[in-house]
Amino acid sequence: MPSNQTPLGALPARFRRERVLVVGCGDVGLRVARALGPRVRLLALTSSPQRVAGLRAQGIVPLQGNLDQPATLARLAALGTRVVHLAPPPAEGDEAWWRDARTTALLAALRLRTPPASLVYGSTSGVYGDCGGARVTEARAVSPATPRAQRRVNAEAAVRHFGRVAQVRASILRIPGIYAPDREGGTPRERLRKGTPVLVAQDDVYTNHIHADDLARAVVAALWRGRPLRVVHASDDSELKMGDYFDLAADLYRLPRPPRVARSTAQDELPLMLLSFMGESRRLDNTRLKRELRVQLRYPTVHTGLLAPGR
């Protein structure tokens, strides 16, 4: 047994309950905490003093620190027997545009003392770039087309290196679009009300989705069932093009369907960020999610997920 995986029975009684550290404890991180419940001791890193009381109210021990200030992270060493890393990379690079300094800083802190038994990193399906609508398995080579996707590729490599060197069972979840009716900005309702266009059928792209609650359950499953250095697509069963997704949502919400525009004219009507998503088309295969992590999706399609009640 690796030295960092001491049997819990050999530890003092106060340490025998698993301690799960959540880094990036936003909406999904809080759902992970709720999914874990009282079975574990929950800890969360926060850089905001204003969040301390709220985290405590949900049974989470707040640890103040900032991923952009590595010196504040030393206290994380050996605190979590398992770690969930959901923090995004910086929006802009500093000395190197492709580097995720936040992940590097976190992993360095975790290696100062006994590393965790497992770590789950939440990456993005954007690491594949445009796949021309092809069905994509985790074996496909990455081909990031944007700086933010390249930083995710860099972070994935750092997590794999950490797993090998520190003998930590590190798992990577590649996550598509997250939605939930009770998540801020978690449905297309507002965009539909604004009448934001989508692409005409012949120019449209495949998109992928996961309900936030199913994503949280996938994270929990990976903490205990994830294979070492394994990548898993945290995606539902839907196979929809973007325009069809918004048409479906419009019908469910009894709102007008969005107008359709040709790609050649879309750049004059849509923001650059949205255009970048419209430039990538792929269909994620989620076989590993179901077979290896044994996740049974509560919301296997966006139709069921968009109709789900909020908390």
Protein backbone atom coordinates (compact mmCIF):
# COMPACT_ATOMS: atom_id res chain seq x y z
CA MET A 1 0.00 0.00 0.00
CA PRO A 2 1.44 3.45 -0.93
CA SER A 3 2.59 5.48 2.05
CA ASN A 4 -0.02 8.16 1.43
CA GLN A 5 -2.89 5.68 1.78
CA THR A 6 -2.64 4.76 5.46
CA PRO A 7 -5.59 2.60 6.60
CA LEU A 8 -8.11 4.74 8.43
CA GLY A 9 -8.15 2.23 11.27
CA ALA A 10 -4.50 3.08 12.01
CA LEU A 11 -5.27 6.77 12.50
CA PRO A 12 -6.35 8.47 15.73
CA ALA A 13 -10.13 8.31 16.22
CA ARG A 14 -10.63 11.98 15.41
CA PHE A 15 -9.16 11.43 11.93
CA ARG A 16 -10.98 8.22 11.00
CA ARG A 17 -13.78 9.95 9.12
CA GLU A 18 -12.79 10.83 5.57
CA ARG A 19 -12.04 14.51 5.07
CA VAL A 20 -13.01 15.86 1.65
CA LEU A 21 -11.47 19.18 0.62
CA VAL A 22 -13.37 21.08 -2.07
CA VAL A 23 -11.34 23.65 -4.00
CA GLY A 24 -13.61 25.82 -6.10
CA CYS A 25 -16.70 25.50 -3.92
CA GLY A 26 -19.19 27.32 -6.13
CA ASP A 27 -22.55 25.95 -7.24
CA VAL A 28 -21.26 22.51 -8.25
CA GLY A 29 -18.93 22.30 -5.25
CA LEU A 30 -21.87 22.93 -2.91
CA ARG A 31 -23.85 20.22 -4.69
CA VAL A 32 -20.92 17.85 -4.19
CA ALA A 33 -20.95 18.73 -0.48
CA ARG A 34 -24.68 18.02 -0.24
CA ALA A 35 -24.26 14.72 -2.08
CA LEU A 36 -21.56 13.66 0.39
CA GLY A 37 -23.52 14.82 3.43
CA PRO A 38 -22.55 13.78 6.95
CA ARG A 39 -20.65 10.70 5.80
CA VAL A 40 -17.48 12.79 5.59
CA ARG A 41 -15.98 15.89 7.13
CA LEU A 42 -16.26 18.66 4.55
CA LEU A 43 -13.69 21.40 4.06
CA ALA A 44 -13.62 24.13 1.41
CA LEU A 45 -11.00 26.63 0.31
CA THR A 46 -12.29 30.18 -0.06
CA SER A 47 -10.57 33.47 -0.80
CA SER A 48 -13.64 35.45 0.28
CA PRO A 49 -14.16 36.24 3.99
CA GLN A 50 -17.80 36.97 3.13
CA ARG A 51 -18.36 33.28 2.32
CA VAL A 52 -17.09 31.92 5.63
CA ALA A 53 -20.40 32.12 7.51
CA GLY A 54 -22.37 30.67 4.60
CA LEU A 55 -20.05 27.69 4.27
CA ARG A 56 -20.22 27.00 7.99
CA ALA A 57 -24.01 27.16 7.86
CA GLN A 58 -23.93 24.29 5.35
CA GLY A 59 -21.70 22.14 7.56
CA ILE A 60 -18.49 22.94 5.66
CA VAL A 61 -15.29 23.99 7.40
CA PRO A 62 -13.98 27.10 5.55
CA LEU A 63 -10.25 27.42 4.93
CA GLN A 64 -9.16 30.86 3.84
CA GLY A 65 -6.60 30.93 1.07
CA ASN A 66 -6.11 32.14 -2.48
CA LEU A 67 -4.98 30.02 -5.43
CA ASP A 68 -3.39 33.14 -6.91
CA GLN A 69 -1.26 33.52 -3.77
CA PRO A 70 0.60 30.20 -3.29
CA ALA A 71 1.97 31.18 0.11
CA THR A 72 -1.58 31.07 1.53
CA LEU A 73 -2.07 27.42 0.55
CA ALA A 74 0.48 25.69 2.78
CA ARG A 75 -2.18 24.94 5.39
CA LEU A 76 -3.96 22.64 2.92
CA ALA A 77 -1.22 20.01 3.21
CA ALA A 78 -2.59 16.73 4.62
CA LEU A 79 -5.96 18.28 5.57
CA GLY A 80 -8.02 16.39 3.01
CA THR A 81 -7.90 12.62 2.60
CA ARG A 82 -9.62 13.26 -0.74
CA VAL A 83 -9.65 16.43 -2.83
CA VAL A 84 -12.09 17.87 -5.36
CA HIS A 85 -10.53 20.53 -7.62
CA LEU A 86 -13.19 22.53 -9.46
CA ALA A 87 -11.47 25.93 -9.58
CA PRO A 88 -11.10 27.34 -13.11
CA PRO A 89 -7.73 28.51 -14.42
CA PRO A 90 -7.03 32.24 -14.62
CA ALA A 91 -8.96 34.04 -17.34
CA GLU A 92 -5.68 35.47 -18.58
CA GLY A 93 -2.19 34.01 -18.46
CA ASP A 94 0.69 35.89 -16.89
CA GLU A 95 4.20 34.87 -17.88
CA ALA A 96 2.80 32.14 -20.14
CA TRP A 97 -0.66 32.32 -21.68
CA TRP A 98 -1.08 28.53 -21.63
CA ARG A 99 -0.20 27.96 -17.97
CA ASP A 100 -2.67 27.23 -15.16
CA ALA A 101 -0.72 28.60 -12.21
CA ARG A 102 -3.63 27.90 -9.84
CA THR A 103 -3.52 24.14 -10.35
CA THR A 104 0.27 24.17 -10.09
CA ALA A 105 0.08 26.04 -6.78
CA LEU A 106 -2.59 23.73 -5.35
CA LEU A 107 -0.74 20.54 -6.25
CA ALA A 108 2.49 21.90 -4.80
CA ALA A 109 0.71 22.60 -1.51
CA LEU A 110 -0.83 19.11 -1.42
CA ARG A 111 2.63 17.56 -1.76
CA LEU A 112 4.10 19.40 1.25
CA ARG A 113 2.95 16.60 3.53
CA THR A 114 1.02 13.34 3.09
CA PRO A 115 -0.89 13.64 -0.22
CA PRO A 116 -4.58 12.70 -0.44
CA ALA A 117 -5.69 9.20 -1.41
CA SER A 118 -7.62 10.54 -4.40
CA LEU A 119 -8.09 13.76 -6.34
CA VAL A 120 -10.76 14.65 -8.89
CA TYR A 121 -10.10 17.50 -11.32
CA GLY A 122 -12.96 19.13 -13.20
CA SER A 123 -11.71 19.92 -16.70
CA THR A 124 -13.65 20.82 -19.85
CA SER A 125 -14.64 19.05 -23.05
CA GLY A 126 -13.27 22.13 -24.82
CA VAL A 127 -9.81 20.50 -24.75
CA TYR A 128 -10.83 18.58 -27.90
CA GLY A 129 -11.44 21.64 -30.04
CA ASP A 130 -13.65 21.18 -33.10
CA CYS A 131 -14.32 17.52 -33.94
CA GLY A 132 -16.65 18.14 -36.88
CA GLY A 133 -19.60 16.57 -35.06
CA ALA A 134 -17.82 13.24 -34.56
CA ARG A 135 -18.54 10.97 -31.61
CA VAL A 136 -15.65 11.43 -29.19
CA THR A 137 -14.27 8.97 -26.64
CA GLU A 138 -11.71 9.77 -23.97
CA ALA A 139 -9.01 8.21 -26.17
CA ARG A 140 -9.20 11.07 -28.68
CA ALA A 141 -6.18 13.37 -28.74
CA VAL A 142 -6.74 16.86 -27.40
CA SER A 143 -6.59 19.79 -29.78
CA PRO A 144 -7.39 22.98 -27.85
CA ALA A 145 -8.36 25.93 -30.01
CA THR A 146 -8.51 28.66 -27.37
CA PRO A 147 -6.16 29.88 -24.61
CA ARG A 148 -8.65 28.85 -21.91
CA ALA A 149 -8.80 25.30 -23.32
CA GLN A 150 -5.01 25.16 -23.55
CA ARG A 151 -4.76 26.12 -19.89
CA ARG A 152 -7.05 23.19 -19.08
CA VAL A 153 -4.79 20.85 -21.05
CA ASN A 154 -1.86 22.15 -19.03
CA ALA A 155 -3.77 21.60 -15.79
CA GLU A 156 -4.68 18.03 -16.80
CA ALA A 157 -1.01 17.28 -17.44
CA ALA A 158 -0.09 18.68 -14.02
CA VAL A 159 -2.75 16.53 -12.34
CA ARG A 160 -1.50 13.40 -14.11
CA HIS A 161 2.09 14.17 -13.08
CA PHE A 162 0.94 14.70 -9.50
CA GLY A 163 -0.89 11.36 -9.56
CA ARG A 164 2.17 9.48 -10.81
CA VAL A 165 4.79 11.12 -8.59
CA ALA A 166 2.75 11.36 -5.38
CA GLN A 167 0.98 7.99 -5.91
CA VAL A 168 -2.43 9.64 -5.78
CA ARG A 169 -5.44 8.16 -7.57
CA ALA A 170 -6.06 11.20 -9.75
CA SER A 171 -9.14 11.35 -11.99
CA ILE A 172 -10.07 13.91 -14.63
CA LEU A 173 -13.66 14.70 -15.53
CA ARG A 174 -14.12 16.46 -18.86
CA ILE A 175 -17.26 18.52 -18.44
CA PRO A 176 -19.50 20.05 -21.13
CA GLY A 177 -22.21 22.69 -20.60
CA ILE A 178 -23.60 22.60 -17.05
CA TYR A 179 -27.24 23.45 -16.52
CA ALA A 180 -29.96 23.19 -13.84
CA PRO A 181 -33.21 25.10 -13.29
CA ASP A 182 -32.01 26.14 -9.81
CA ARG A 183 -28.56 27.24 -10.98
CA GLU A 184 -27.86 30.91 -11.69
CA GLY A 185 -27.81 31.22 -15.46
CA GLY A 186 -28.42 27.48 -15.55
CA THR A 187 -31.15 27.49 -18.21
CA PRO A 188 -31.45 29.16 -21.63
CA ARG A 189 -34.58 31.03 -20.53
CA GLU A 190 -32.96 34.48 -20.36
CA ARG A 191 -31.20 34.06 -23.67
CA LEU A 192 -34.47 33.03 -25.28
CA ARG A 193 -36.18 36.10 -23.91
CA LYS A 194 -33.48 38.26 -25.45
CA GLY A 195 -34.02 36.59 -28.82
CA THR A 196 -30.33 35.72 -29.28
CA PRO A 197 -29.95 33.96 -32.64
CA VAL A 198 -28.68 30.45 -33.27
CA LEU A 199 -27.16 28.99 -36.42
CA VAL A 200 -29.19 27.67 -39.34
CA ALA A 201 -29.39 23.88 -39.45
CA GLN A 202 -26.70 23.38 -42.09
CA ASP A 203 -24.19 25.43 -40.08
CA ASP A 204 -25.18 24.23 -36.63
CA VAL A 205 -22.93 22.36 -34.16
CA TYR A 206 -23.45 19.52 -31.72
CA THR A 207 -23.32 20.51 -28.06
CA ASN A 208 -23.12 18.43 -24.90
CA HIS A 209 -24.74 18.89 -21.51
CA ILE A 210 -24.82 17.67 -17.92
CA HIS A 211 -27.27 18.52 -15.15
CA ALA A 212 -25.41 20.06 -12.19
CA ASP A 213 -26.75 17.43 -9.77
CA ASP A 214 -25.59 14.58 -12.03
CA LEU A 215 -22.19 16.26 -12.30
CA ALA A 216 -21.94 16.40 -8.51
CA ARG A 217 -22.77 12.70 -8.32
CA ALA A 218 -20.11 11.96 -10.93
CA VAL A 219 -17.53 13.84 -8.86
CA VAL A 220 -18.42 11.85 -5.74
CA ALA A 221 -18.25 8.57 -7.68
CA ALA A 222 -14.83 9.48 -9.08
CA LEU A 223 -13.51 10.23 -5.58
CA TRP A 224 -13.96 6.58 -4.64
CA ARG A 225 -14.28 4.65 -7.92
CA GLY A 226 -12.14 6.60 -10.36
CA ARG A 227 -9.26 4.67 -11.90
CA PRO A 228 -5.78 6.16 -11.54
CA LEU A 229 -4.92 8.80 -14.18
CA ARG A 230 -8.25 8.14 -15.89
CA VAL A 231 -10.24 10.62 -17.98
CA VAL A 232 -14.04 10.36 -17.93
CA HIS A 233 -16.66 12.35 -19.83
CA ALA A 234 -19.20 13.76 -17.37
CA SER A 235 -21.92 14.15 -19.99
CA ASP A 236 -25.54 13.06 -20.37
CA ASP A 237 -27.11 11.00 -23.18
CA SER A 238 -28.41 13.92 -25.25
CA GLU A 239 -27.37 14.26 -28.89
CA LEU A 240 -28.59 17.69 -29.87
CA LYS A 241 -27.35 20.47 -32.05
CA MET A 242 -27.25 23.85 -30.38
CA GLY A 243 -30.21 25.27 -32.25
CA ASP A 244 -32.30 22.19 -31.49
CA TYR A 245 -31.45 22.54 -27.80
CA PHE A 246 -32.72 26.11 -27.74
CA ASP A 247 -35.81 25.16 -29.76
CA LEU A 248 -36.56 22.42 -27.21
CA ALA A 249 -36.12 24.82 -24.30
CA ALA A 250 -38.31 27.43 -25.98
CA ASP A 251 -41.09 24.90 -26.44
CA LEU A 252 -40.81 23.73 -22.83
CA TYR A 253 -40.92 27.31 -21.53
CA ARG A 254 -43.60 28.40 -24.02
CA LEU A 255 -41.31 31.08 -25.42
CA PRO A 256 -40.63 31.97 -29.08
CA ARG A 257 -37.99 29.86 -30.76
CA PRO A 258 -34.77 31.80 -31.44
CA PRO A 259 -34.12 33.22 -34.90
CA ARG A 260 -31.66 31.37 -37.14
CA VAL A 261 -28.73 33.01 -38.88
CA ALA A 262 -26.04 31.77 -41.26
CA ARG A 263 -22.53 31.39 -39.91
CA SER A 264 -21.33 33.92 -42.49
CA THR A 265 -23.42 36.65 -40.84
CA ALA A 266 -23.30 35.43 -37.21
CA GLN A 267 -20.16 37.43 -36.39
CA ASP A 268 -22.13 40.63 -36.92
CA GLU A 269 -24.89 39.60 -34.50
CA LEU A 270 -23.28 37.49 -31.75
CA PRO A 271 -20.60 38.10 -29.07
CA LEU A 272 -17.15 36.60 -29.59
CA MET A 273 -17.47 34.17 -26.66
CA LEU A 274 -20.67 32.71 -28.05
CA LEU A 275 -19.16 32.52 -31.52
CA SER A 276 -16.25 30.48 -30.14
CA PHE A 277 -18.68 27.85 -28.79
CA MET A 278 -20.44 27.80 -32.15
CA GLY A 279 -17.13 26.92 -33.81
CA GLU A 280 -16.78 23.53 -32.08
CA SER A 281 -18.95 20.47 -32.71
CA ARG A 282 -18.63 17.08 -31.00
CA ARG A 283 -20.71 14.31 -29.38
CA LEU A 284 -19.23 13.02 -26.14
CA ASP A 285 -19.37 9.28 -25.44
CA ASN A 286 -20.26 8.71 -21.76
CA THR A 287 -19.69 4.93 -21.58
CA ARG A 288 -16.95 5.24 -18.94
CA LEU A 289 -19.18 7.40 -16.76
CA LYS A 290 -21.77 4.63 -16.61
CA ARG A 291 -19.56 1.54 -16.77
CA GLU A 292 -16.57 2.52 -14.63
CA LEU A 293 -18.02 5.11 -12.24
CA ARG A 294 -21.42 3.35 -12.24
CA VAL A 295 -23.28 6.65 -12.38
CA GLN A 296 -26.97 6.29 -13.17
CA LEU A 297 -28.04 9.64 -14.56
CA ARG A 298 -31.08 11.15 -12.90
CA TYR A 299 -31.44 13.49 -15.87
CA PRO A 300 -30.24 11.50 -18.89
CA THR A 301 -31.50 14.11 -21.35
CA VAL A 302 -31.87 17.88 -21.28
CA HIS A 303 -35.61 17.39 -21.75
CA THR A 304 -35.88 15.69 -18.34
CA GLY A 305 -33.34 18.04 -16.76
CA LEU A 306 -34.93 21.30 -17.86
CA LEU A 307 -38.25 20.15 -16.44
CA ALA A 308 -36.73 19.13 -13.09
CA PRO A 309 -37.87 21.15 -10.08
CA GLY A 310 -35.36 23.33 -8.29
CA ARG A 311 -34.22 22.74 -4.73
